[in-house]
Amino acid sequence: MKPLLALSALGLLLSGCIAGPSGNPQPPQPAKTVALDRYLGRWYEAARYDMRFEKGCEGVTADYAKRPDGLIRVVNTCRQGAVDGPVKVSEGKAKVVDTATNAKLKVSFFGPFWGDYWVMDHADDYSWSIVGEGSGKYLWLLTRKPPSDLEREALTARAKALGYDVSMLRPTKQPAP
């Protein structure tokens, strides 16, 4: 299997390696502490800033699980071209770099290269999450189940309130629940 550099949420970031326009030249610091045990599991991508490493991806999911070595296993899945298109999977690892909040992580999909992954905000019940990083070039809106239009709109409004250019967001098609 050929690894994709990134597909969604965790591990989708290779800050500085793939330059794109900044959707938020002054991104905020993460809004809340993250309980990692509650953050683990499956996330569905509702929308993203489109980058070449996710070109044509639909039905994007990210699965996070604890590893025996203390790191987090990251498995990103993309359906190429359509929600029922060919599956591409990329596996990586993540580590917490801000242990005071657990909201800032580093992710790697190959070698010694690590990118930032910041949980900018999340629902108290962990039903949604907004992921970015310090440059403002990357943004992912994530939900625990395939998002409804109403959920996508609410997440988009929250991202806008955080200072992100939501006109750059590309909705991700997900299979019907």
N, C-alpha and C. Protein backbone atom coordinates (compact mmCIF):
# COMPACT_ATOMS: atom_id res chain seq x y z
N MET A 1 0.84 -1.17 0.00
CA MET A 1 0.00 0.00 0.00
C MET A 1 0.88 1.23 0.00
N LYS A 2 0.52 2.19 -0.82
CA LYS A 2 1.29 3.42 -0.91
C LYS A 2 0.76 4.40 0.12
N PRO A 3 1.63 4.92 0.96
CA PRO A 3 1.12 5.85 1.96
C PRO A 3 0.79 7.20 1.34
N LEU A 4 -0.33 7.74 1.74
CA LEU A 4 -0.65 9.13 1.41
C LEU A 4 -0.02 9.96 2.51
N LEU A 5 0.47 11.11 2.19
CA LEU A 5 1.10 11.93 3.22
C LEU A 5 0.11 12.31 4.29
N ALA A 6 -1.13 12.50 3.89
CA ALA A 6 -2.12 12.82 4.88
C ALA A 6 -3.50 12.67 4.29
N LEU A 7 -4.45 12.31 5.10
CA LEU A 7 -5.82 12.16 4.61
C LEU A 7 -6.79 12.95 5.45
N SER A 8 -6.64 13.09 6.68
CA SER A 8 -7.56 13.82 7.50
C SER A 8 -6.93 14.02 8.85
N ALA A 9 -7.70 14.65 9.66
CA ALA A 9 -7.30 14.89 11.00
C ALA A 9 -5.92 14.60 11.27
N LEU A 10 -5.61 13.69 12.25
CA LEU A 10 -4.28 13.45 12.78
C LEU A 10 -3.38 12.89 11.71
N GLY A 11 -2.22 13.49 11.53
CA GLY A 11 -1.27 12.99 10.55
C GLY A 11 -1.47 13.54 9.19
N LEU A 12 -2.35 14.47 9.07
CA LEU A 12 -2.58 15.04 7.77
C LEU A 12 -1.68 16.23 7.54
N LEU A 13 -0.85 16.47 8.49
CA LEU A 13 -0.10 17.70 8.48
C LEU A 13 1.39 17.47 8.32
N LEU A 14 1.95 18.13 7.38
CA LEU A 14 3.39 18.19 7.24
C LEU A 14 3.74 19.67 7.13
N SER A 15 3.61 20.36 8.23
CA SER A 15 3.75 21.81 8.24
C SER A 15 5.02 22.27 7.56
N GLY A 16 4.84 23.20 6.66
CA GLY A 16 5.98 23.77 5.99
C GLY A 16 6.47 22.97 4.81
N CYS A 17 6.11 21.70 4.72
CA CYS A 17 6.58 20.85 3.62
C CYS A 17 5.77 21.10 2.36
N ILE A 18 4.49 21.39 2.52
CA ILE A 18 3.63 21.64 1.38
C ILE A 18 3.02 23.01 1.60
N ALA A 19 3.58 23.99 0.95
CA ALA A 19 3.14 25.36 1.18
C ALA A 19 1.86 25.64 0.42
N GLY A 20 0.94 26.26 1.08
CA GLY A 20 -0.30 26.68 0.46
C GLY A 20 -0.69 28.00 1.08
N PRO A 21 -1.76 28.59 0.61
CA PRO A 21 -2.18 29.86 1.20
C PRO A 21 -2.62 29.64 2.64
N SER A 22 -2.38 30.64 3.47
CA SER A 22 -2.80 30.54 4.85
C SER A 22 -4.26 30.94 4.94
N GLY A 23 -5.06 30.07 5.52
CA GLY A 23 -6.47 30.37 5.71
C GLY A 23 -6.71 31.13 7.00
N ASN A 24 -5.65 31.25 7.81
CA ASN A 24 -5.74 32.01 9.05
C ASN A 24 -4.32 32.43 9.42
N PRO A 25 -3.92 33.64 9.03
CA PRO A 25 -2.55 34.08 9.29
C PRO A 25 -2.20 34.19 10.77
N GLN A 26 -3.21 34.23 11.63
CA GLN A 26 -2.97 34.29 13.07
C GLN A 26 -3.85 33.27 13.79
N PRO A 27 -3.57 31.96 13.58
CA PRO A 27 -4.43 30.96 14.22
C PRO A 27 -4.36 31.05 15.74
N PRO A 28 -5.48 30.79 16.38
CA PRO A 28 -5.50 30.85 17.84
C PRO A 28 -4.80 29.63 18.44
N GLN A 29 -4.55 29.70 19.71
CA GLN A 29 -4.10 28.53 20.44
C GLN A 29 -5.31 27.62 20.65
N PRO A 30 -5.08 26.33 20.86
CA PRO A 30 -6.21 25.43 21.12
C PRO A 30 -7.08 25.95 22.27
N ALA A 31 -8.39 25.78 22.11
CA ALA A 31 -9.36 26.35 23.04
C ALA A 31 -9.54 25.53 24.31
N LYS A 32 -9.32 24.22 24.24
CA LYS A 32 -9.63 23.36 25.38
C LYS A 32 -8.58 22.27 25.55
N THR A 33 -8.55 21.74 26.76
CA THR A 33 -7.75 20.55 27.03
C THR A 33 -8.40 19.36 26.33
N VAL A 34 -7.60 18.39 25.92
CA VAL A 34 -8.09 17.20 25.24
C VAL A 34 -7.88 15.99 26.14
N ALA A 35 -8.95 15.25 26.41
CA ALA A 35 -8.85 13.96 27.11
C ALA A 35 -8.57 12.92 26.03
N LEU A 36 -7.32 12.48 25.95
CA LEU A 36 -6.92 11.61 24.84
C LEU A 36 -7.77 10.35 24.73
N ASP A 37 -8.13 9.74 25.86
CA ASP A 37 -8.95 8.52 25.80
C ASP A 37 -10.29 8.79 25.13
N ARG A 38 -10.82 9.99 25.28
CA ARG A 38 -12.10 10.33 24.65
C ARG A 38 -11.90 10.72 23.19
N TYR A 39 -10.71 11.22 22.84
CA TYR A 39 -10.43 11.64 21.47
C TYR A 39 -10.14 10.45 20.55
N LEU A 40 -9.64 9.36 21.12
CA LEU A 40 -9.33 8.17 20.33
C LEU A 40 -10.58 7.63 19.66
N GLY A 41 -10.38 6.83 18.61
CA GLY A 41 -11.51 6.25 17.90
C GLY A 41 -11.59 6.79 16.49
N ARG A 42 -12.75 6.63 15.88
CA ARG A 42 -12.95 7.03 14.49
C ARG A 42 -13.51 8.44 14.39
N TRP A 43 -12.97 9.19 13.42
CA TRP A 43 -13.45 10.51 13.05
C TRP A 43 -13.74 10.52 11.56
N TYR A 44 -14.79 11.23 11.18
CA TYR A 44 -15.16 11.43 9.77
C TYR A 44 -14.82 12.87 9.39
N GLU A 45 -14.20 13.03 8.24
CA GLU A 45 -13.87 14.37 7.77
C GLU A 45 -15.13 15.01 7.18
N ALA A 46 -15.54 16.16 7.75
CA ALA A 46 -16.69 16.90 7.24
C ALA A 46 -16.28 17.88 6.15
N ALA A 47 -15.10 18.49 6.34
CA ALA A 47 -14.57 19.45 5.37
C ALA A 47 -13.09 19.65 5.67
N ARG A 48 -12.38 20.23 4.69
CA ARG A 48 -10.94 20.46 4.85
C ARG A 48 -10.48 21.57 3.92
N TYR A 49 -9.33 22.12 4.25
CA TYR A 49 -8.61 22.92 3.27
C TYR A 49 -7.99 21.91 2.32
N ASP A 50 -8.30 22.03 1.05
CA ASP A 50 -7.85 21.03 0.08
C ASP A 50 -6.35 21.19 -0.21
N MET A 51 -5.64 20.12 -0.06
CA MET A 51 -4.20 20.08 -0.34
C MET A 51 -3.93 18.92 -1.30
N ARG A 52 -2.83 18.99 -1.99
CA ARG A 52 -2.56 17.99 -3.02
C ARG A 52 -2.48 16.57 -2.47
N PHE A 53 -2.09 16.40 -1.21
CA PHE A 53 -2.00 15.06 -0.66
C PHE A 53 -3.36 14.45 -0.35
N GLU A 54 -4.43 15.23 -0.47
CA GLU A 54 -5.78 14.70 -0.31
C GLU A 54 -6.60 14.89 -1.57
N LYS A 55 -5.95 15.19 -2.66
CA LYS A 55 -6.64 15.45 -3.92
C LYS A 55 -7.55 14.27 -4.29
N GLY A 56 -8.81 14.57 -4.54
CA GLY A 56 -9.76 13.55 -4.96
C GLY A 56 -10.26 12.64 -3.87
N CYS A 57 -9.90 12.90 -2.63
CA CYS A 57 -10.32 12.02 -1.53
C CYS A 57 -11.75 12.32 -1.08
N GLU A 58 -12.55 11.31 -0.97
CA GLU A 58 -13.90 11.37 -0.40
C GLU A 58 -13.98 10.27 0.66
N GLY A 59 -15.04 10.28 1.43
CA GLY A 59 -15.22 9.23 2.44
C GLY A 59 -14.03 9.12 3.38
N VAL A 60 -13.41 10.23 3.70
CA VAL A 60 -12.18 10.24 4.51
C VAL A 60 -12.50 9.98 5.98
N THR A 61 -11.75 9.05 6.57
CA THR A 61 -11.84 8.79 8.01
C THR A 61 -10.44 8.75 8.59
N ALA A 62 -10.37 8.98 9.89
CA ALA A 62 -9.13 8.85 10.65
C ALA A 62 -9.45 8.05 11.90
N ASP A 63 -8.62 7.05 12.16
CA ASP A 63 -8.79 6.21 13.34
C ASP A 63 -7.54 6.34 14.21
N TYR A 64 -7.77 6.60 15.50
CA TYR A 64 -6.67 6.79 16.45
C TYR A 64 -6.80 5.76 17.57
N ALA A 65 -5.66 5.16 17.94
CA ALA A 65 -5.64 4.17 19.01
C ALA A 65 -4.30 4.24 19.74
N LYS A 66 -4.31 3.90 21.02
CA LYS A 66 -3.07 3.86 21.79
C LYS A 66 -2.19 2.72 21.29
N ARG A 67 -0.89 2.96 21.29
CA ARG A 67 0.10 1.94 20.95
C ARG A 67 0.80 1.52 22.24
N PRO A 68 1.37 0.31 22.26
CA PRO A 68 2.08 -0.14 23.47
C PRO A 68 3.26 0.76 23.87
N ASP A 69 3.85 1.46 22.90
CA ASP A 69 5.00 2.32 23.20
C ASP A 69 4.61 3.71 23.70
N GLY A 70 3.32 3.95 23.92
CA GLY A 70 2.87 5.24 24.43
C GLY A 70 2.49 6.24 23.36
N LEU A 71 2.80 5.94 22.11
CA LEU A 71 2.40 6.81 21.00
C LEU A 71 0.97 6.48 20.59
N ILE A 72 0.46 7.21 19.63
CA ILE A 72 -0.89 6.99 19.12
C ILE A 72 -0.78 6.48 17.69
N ARG A 73 -1.46 5.39 17.41
CA ARG A 73 -1.53 4.84 16.05
C ARG A 73 -2.54 5.66 15.26
N VAL A 74 -2.16 6.06 14.06
CA VAL A 74 -2.99 6.87 13.19
C VAL A 74 -3.22 6.09 11.90
N VAL A 75 -4.48 5.85 11.56
CA VAL A 75 -4.80 5.19 10.29
C VAL A 75 -5.80 6.07 9.56
N ASN A 76 -5.34 6.65 8.45
CA ASN A 76 -6.19 7.51 7.62
C ASN A 76 -6.64 6.73 6.40
N THR A 77 -7.91 6.84 6.08
CA THR A 77 -8.47 6.13 4.93
C THR A 77 -9.15 7.13 4.01
N CYS A 78 -8.92 6.96 2.72
CA CYS A 78 -9.49 7.82 1.68
C CYS A 78 -10.13 6.92 0.63
N ARG A 79 -11.25 7.35 0.10
CA ARG A 79 -11.86 6.72 -1.06
C ARG A 79 -11.54 7.62 -2.24
N GLN A 80 -10.76 7.12 -3.17
CA GLN A 80 -10.29 7.94 -4.29
C GLN A 80 -11.42 8.23 -5.28
N GLY A 81 -11.75 9.51 -5.44
CA GLY A 81 -12.69 9.95 -6.46
C GLY A 81 -14.16 9.92 -6.09
N ALA A 82 -14.57 9.06 -5.18
CA ALA A 82 -15.99 8.94 -4.81
C ALA A 82 -16.08 8.17 -3.49
N VAL A 83 -17.23 8.27 -2.82
CA VAL A 83 -17.39 7.59 -1.53
C VAL A 83 -17.30 6.07 -1.66
N ASP A 84 -17.46 5.55 -2.88
CA ASP A 84 -17.31 4.11 -3.09
C ASP A 84 -16.10 3.80 -3.97
N GLY A 85 -15.19 4.77 -4.10
CA GLY A 85 -13.99 4.60 -4.92
C GLY A 85 -12.96 3.69 -4.26
N PRO A 86 -11.85 3.45 -4.96
CA PRO A 86 -10.79 2.60 -4.41
C PRO A 86 -10.26 3.17 -3.08
N VAL A 87 -9.96 2.27 -2.17
CA VAL A 87 -9.50 2.65 -0.84
C VAL A 87 -7.98 2.85 -0.85
N LYS A 88 -7.56 3.94 -0.23
CA LYS A 88 -6.14 4.18 0.02
C LYS A 88 -5.99 4.40 1.52
N VAL A 89 -4.99 3.76 2.09
CA VAL A 89 -4.78 3.83 3.53
C VAL A 89 -3.36 4.31 3.80
N SER A 90 -3.23 5.14 4.81
CA SER A 90 -1.94 5.62 5.26
C SER A 90 -1.86 5.44 6.77
N GLU A 91 -0.79 4.80 7.25
CA GLU A 91 -0.63 4.58 8.68
C GLU A 91 0.55 5.37 9.20
N GLY A 92 0.35 6.02 10.34
CA GLY A 92 1.41 6.80 10.95
C GLY A 92 1.33 6.72 12.46
N LYS A 93 2.00 7.67 13.10
CA LYS A 93 2.03 7.70 14.56
C LYS A 93 1.99 9.15 15.00
N ALA A 94 1.54 9.35 16.23
CA ALA A 94 1.46 10.69 16.80
C ALA A 94 1.97 10.66 18.23
N LYS A 95 2.47 11.82 18.65
CA LYS A 95 2.92 11.98 20.03
C LYS A 95 2.45 13.33 20.55
N VAL A 96 2.10 13.37 21.83
CA VAL A 96 1.68 14.60 22.47
C VAL A 96 2.92 15.45 22.73
N VAL A 97 2.86 16.73 22.38
CA VAL A 97 4.00 17.62 22.66
C VAL A 97 3.65 18.68 23.70
N ASP A 98 2.38 18.84 24.01
CA ASP A 98 1.95 19.77 25.05
C ASP A 98 1.16 18.96 26.07
N THR A 99 1.88 18.43 27.06
CA THR A 99 1.24 17.54 28.04
C THR A 99 0.33 18.29 29.01
N ALA A 100 0.41 19.61 29.06
CA ALA A 100 -0.47 20.37 29.94
C ALA A 100 -1.91 20.34 29.43
N THR A 101 -2.09 20.31 28.07
CA THR A 101 -3.44 20.33 27.51
C THR A 101 -3.74 19.12 26.62
N ASN A 102 -2.73 18.42 26.18
CA ASN A 102 -2.87 17.31 25.21
C ASN A 102 -3.47 17.78 23.89
N ALA A 103 -3.53 19.08 23.65
CA ALA A 103 -4.17 19.61 22.44
C ALA A 103 -3.18 19.79 21.28
N LYS A 104 -1.89 19.73 21.57
CA LYS A 104 -0.88 19.86 20.51
C LYS A 104 -0.11 18.56 20.40
N LEU A 105 -0.14 18.02 19.18
CA LEU A 105 0.56 16.77 18.91
C LEU A 105 1.46 16.95 17.70
N LYS A 106 2.33 15.99 17.51
CA LYS A 106 3.15 15.89 16.30
C LYS A 106 2.80 14.55 15.67
N VAL A 107 2.72 14.51 14.35
CA VAL A 107 2.39 13.27 13.64
C VAL A 107 3.46 12.98 12.60
N SER A 108 3.63 11.70 12.31
CA SER A 108 4.60 11.28 11.30
C SER A 108 4.04 10.10 10.53
N PHE A 109 4.22 10.16 9.21
CA PHE A 109 3.84 9.06 8.34
C PHE A 109 5.05 8.38 7.73
N PHE A 110 6.20 9.00 7.86
CA PHE A 110 7.41 8.37 7.34
C PHE A 110 8.63 9.02 7.98
N GLY A 111 9.60 8.17 8.25
CA GLY A 111 10.90 8.63 8.72
C GLY A 111 10.85 9.59 9.89
N PRO A 112 11.82 10.47 9.91
CA PRO A 112 11.95 11.38 11.04
C PRO A 112 11.13 12.66 10.87
N PHE A 113 10.24 12.72 9.89
CA PHE A 113 9.48 13.93 9.60
C PHE A 113 8.19 13.97 10.42
N TRP A 114 8.04 15.04 11.19
CA TRP A 114 6.88 15.22 12.05
C TRP A 114 6.20 16.53 11.71
N GLY A 115 4.88 16.53 11.68
CA GLY A 115 4.10 17.74 11.44
C GLY A 115 3.20 18.05 12.62
N ASP A 116 2.82 19.31 12.75
CA ASP A 116 1.95 19.72 13.84
C ASP A 116 0.51 19.28 13.61
N TYR A 117 -0.16 18.94 14.69
CA TYR A 117 -1.57 18.58 14.72
C TYR A 117 -2.13 19.20 15.99
N TRP A 118 -2.91 20.26 15.83
CA TRP A 118 -3.49 20.94 16.98
C TRP A 118 -4.99 20.75 16.99
N VAL A 119 -5.52 20.28 18.10
CA VAL A 119 -6.97 20.21 18.28
C VAL A 119 -7.39 21.62 18.71
N MET A 120 -7.84 22.40 17.73
CA MET A 120 -8.16 23.81 17.96
C MET A 120 -9.38 23.98 18.87
N ASP A 121 -10.36 23.10 18.68
CA ASP A 121 -11.57 23.13 19.50
C ASP A 121 -12.27 21.78 19.34
N HIS A 122 -13.10 21.45 20.30
CA HIS A 122 -13.88 20.21 20.22
C HIS A 122 -15.12 20.35 21.09
N ALA A 123 -16.11 19.53 20.75
CA ALA A 123 -17.33 19.51 21.56
C ALA A 123 -17.02 18.90 22.91
N ASP A 124 -17.75 19.31 23.93
CA ASP A 124 -17.55 18.74 25.26
C ASP A 124 -17.77 17.24 25.26
N ASP A 125 -18.68 16.76 24.40
CA ASP A 125 -18.95 15.32 24.32
C ASP A 125 -18.11 14.63 23.23
N TYR A 126 -17.16 15.35 22.65
CA TYR A 126 -16.26 14.82 21.61
C TYR A 126 -17.01 14.34 20.37
N SER A 127 -18.12 15.00 20.05
CA SER A 127 -18.88 14.66 18.84
C SER A 127 -18.33 15.37 17.61
N TRP A 128 -17.55 16.43 17.81
CA TRP A 128 -16.89 17.13 16.71
C TRP A 128 -15.56 17.68 17.18
N SER A 129 -14.71 17.98 16.20
CA SER A 129 -13.38 18.52 16.48
C SER A 129 -12.95 19.40 15.31
N ILE A 130 -12.21 20.44 15.61
CA ILE A 130 -11.61 21.29 14.58
C ILE A 130 -10.10 21.17 14.75
N VAL A 131 -9.42 20.75 13.69
CA VAL A 131 -7.99 20.50 13.74
C VAL A 131 -7.25 21.44 12.80
N GLY A 132 -6.17 22.00 13.29
CA GLY A 132 -5.32 22.88 12.50
C GLY A 132 -3.90 22.79 13.00
N GLU A 133 -3.16 23.88 12.82
CA GLU A 133 -1.79 23.97 13.32
C GLU A 133 -1.36 25.43 13.29
N GLY A 134 -0.13 25.70 13.65
CA GLY A 134 0.33 27.06 13.87
C GLY A 134 0.46 27.96 12.67
N SER A 135 0.52 27.42 11.45
CA SER A 135 0.68 28.29 10.27
C SER A 135 -0.66 28.76 9.70
N GLY A 136 -1.75 28.12 10.05
CA GLY A 136 -3.06 28.46 9.51
C GLY A 136 -3.30 27.94 8.11
N LYS A 137 -2.38 27.11 7.58
CA LYS A 137 -2.50 26.58 6.22
C LYS A 137 -3.35 25.31 6.14
N TYR A 138 -3.58 24.68 7.28
CA TYR A 138 -4.30 23.42 7.29
C TYR A 138 -5.50 23.53 8.21
N LEU A 139 -6.59 22.91 7.81
CA LEU A 139 -7.79 22.91 8.62
C LEU A 139 -8.63 21.70 8.26
N TRP A 140 -9.09 21.00 9.28
CA TRP A 140 -10.00 19.87 9.10
C TRP A 140 -11.14 20.00 10.09
N LEU A 141 -12.35 19.77 9.62
CA LEU A 141 -13.54 19.72 10.46
C LEU A 141 -13.94 18.25 10.55
N LEU A 142 -14.00 17.73 11.77
CA LEU A 142 -14.22 16.30 11.99
C LEU A 142 -15.45 16.05 12.83
N THR A 143 -16.10 14.92 12.55
CA THR A 143 -17.27 14.50 13.33
C THR A 143 -17.16 13.01 13.64
N ARG A 144 -17.90 12.55 14.62
CA ARG A 144 -17.87 11.13 15.01
C ARG A 144 -18.71 10.24 14.11
N LYS A 145 -19.61 10.82 13.35
CA LYS A 145 -20.40 10.06 12.39
C LYS A 145 -20.46 10.89 11.11
N PRO A 146 -20.82 10.28 9.99
CA PRO A 146 -20.91 11.11 8.78
C PRO A 146 -21.76 12.35 9.06
N PRO A 147 -21.25 13.53 8.74
CA PRO A 147 -21.93 14.76 9.15
C PRO A 147 -23.16 15.08 8.31
N SER A 148 -24.15 15.65 8.96
CA SER A 148 -25.31 16.20 8.25
C SER A 148 -24.91 17.59 7.73
N ASP A 149 -25.72 18.14 6.84
CA ASP A 149 -25.47 19.49 6.34
C ASP A 149 -25.50 20.49 7.49
N LEU A 150 -26.41 20.29 8.42
CA LEU A 150 -26.54 21.19 9.57
C LEU A 150 -25.28 21.13 10.44
N GLU A 151 -24.75 19.95 10.69
CA GLU A 151 -23.52 19.81 11.48
C GLU A 151 -22.34 20.47 10.76
N ARG A 152 -22.25 20.27 9.45
CA ARG A 152 -21.17 20.88 8.67
C ARG A 152 -21.26 22.41 8.74
N GLU A 153 -22.47 22.94 8.63
CA GLU A 153 -22.67 24.39 8.72
C GLU A 153 -22.27 24.93 10.09
N ALA A 154 -22.63 24.23 11.14
CA ALA A 154 -22.28 24.67 12.50
C ALA A 154 -20.76 24.64 12.71
N LEU A 155 -20.11 23.59 12.22
CA LEU A 155 -18.65 23.51 12.34
C LEU A 155 -17.97 24.61 11.52
N THR A 156 -18.50 24.89 10.36
CA THR A 156 -17.96 25.96 9.52
C THR A 156 -18.09 27.30 10.23
N ALA A 157 -19.21 27.54 10.86
CA ALA A 157 -19.40 28.78 11.61
C ALA A 157 -18.41 28.88 12.77
N ARG A 158 -18.16 27.77 13.45
CA ARG A 158 -17.19 27.78 14.55
C ARG A 158 -15.78 28.06 14.03
N ALA A 159 -15.41 27.46 12.89
CA ALA A 159 -14.10 27.70 12.30
C ALA A 159 -13.96 29.18 11.92
N LYS A 160 -15.03 29.76 11.38
CA LYS A 160 -15.01 31.18 11.03
C LYS A 160 -14.80 32.04 12.27
N ALA A 161 -15.47 31.67 13.36
CA ALA A 161 -15.32 32.40 14.62
C ALA A 161 -13.89 32.31 15.16
N LEU A 162 -13.18 31.24 14.81
CA LEU A 162 -11.78 31.09 15.21
C LEU A 162 -10.82 31.85 14.28
N GLY A 163 -11.38 32.51 13.26
CA GLY A 163 -10.57 33.32 12.37
C GLY A 163 -10.17 32.68 11.06
N TYR A 164 -10.72 31.51 10.74
CA TYR A 164 -10.37 30.81 9.50
C TYR A 164 -11.18 31.31 8.32
N ASP A 165 -10.56 31.34 7.15
CA ASP A 165 -11.22 31.69 5.91
C ASP A 165 -12.01 30.46 5.46
N VAL A 166 -13.30 30.45 5.75
CA VAL A 166 -14.11 29.27 5.47
C VAL A 166 -14.44 29.13 3.99
N SER A 167 -14.16 30.16 3.19
CA SER A 167 -14.35 30.02 1.74
C SER A 167 -13.35 29.03 1.14
N MET A 168 -12.28 28.74 1.88
CA MET A 168 -11.28 27.77 1.42
C MET A 168 -11.65 26.33 1.76
N LEU A 169 -12.70 26.14 2.56
CA LEU A 169 -13.10 24.79 2.96
C LEU A 169 -13.72 24.03 1.78
N ARG A 170 -13.35 22.78 1.66
CA ARG A 170 -13.92 21.87 0.67
C ARG A 170 -14.70 20.81 1.44
N PRO A 171 -16.03 20.74 1.27
CA PRO A 171 -16.81 19.69 1.95
C PRO A 171 -16.36 18.31 1.46
N THR A 172 -16.30 17.37 2.40
CA THR A 172 -15.94 15.99 2.06
C THR A 172 -17.21 15.16 1.98
N LYS A 173 -17.38 14.48 0.86
CA LYS A 173 -18.54 13.59 0.73
C LYS A 173 -18.31 12.36 1.60
N GLN A 174 -19.35 11.95 2.29
CA GLN A 174 -19.32 10.77 3.14
C GLN A 174 -20.49 9.87 2.77
N PRO A 175 -20.34 8.55 2.95
CA PRO A 175 -21.48 7.68 2.67
C PRO A 175 -22.67 8.02 3.55
N ALA A 176 -23.86 7.76 3.05
CA ALA A 176 -25.07 8.01 3.83
C ALA A 176 -25.04 7.13 5.08
N PRO A 177 -25.46 7.69 6.22
CA PRO A 177 -25.46 6.89 7.46
C PRO A 177 -26.45 5.77 7.43
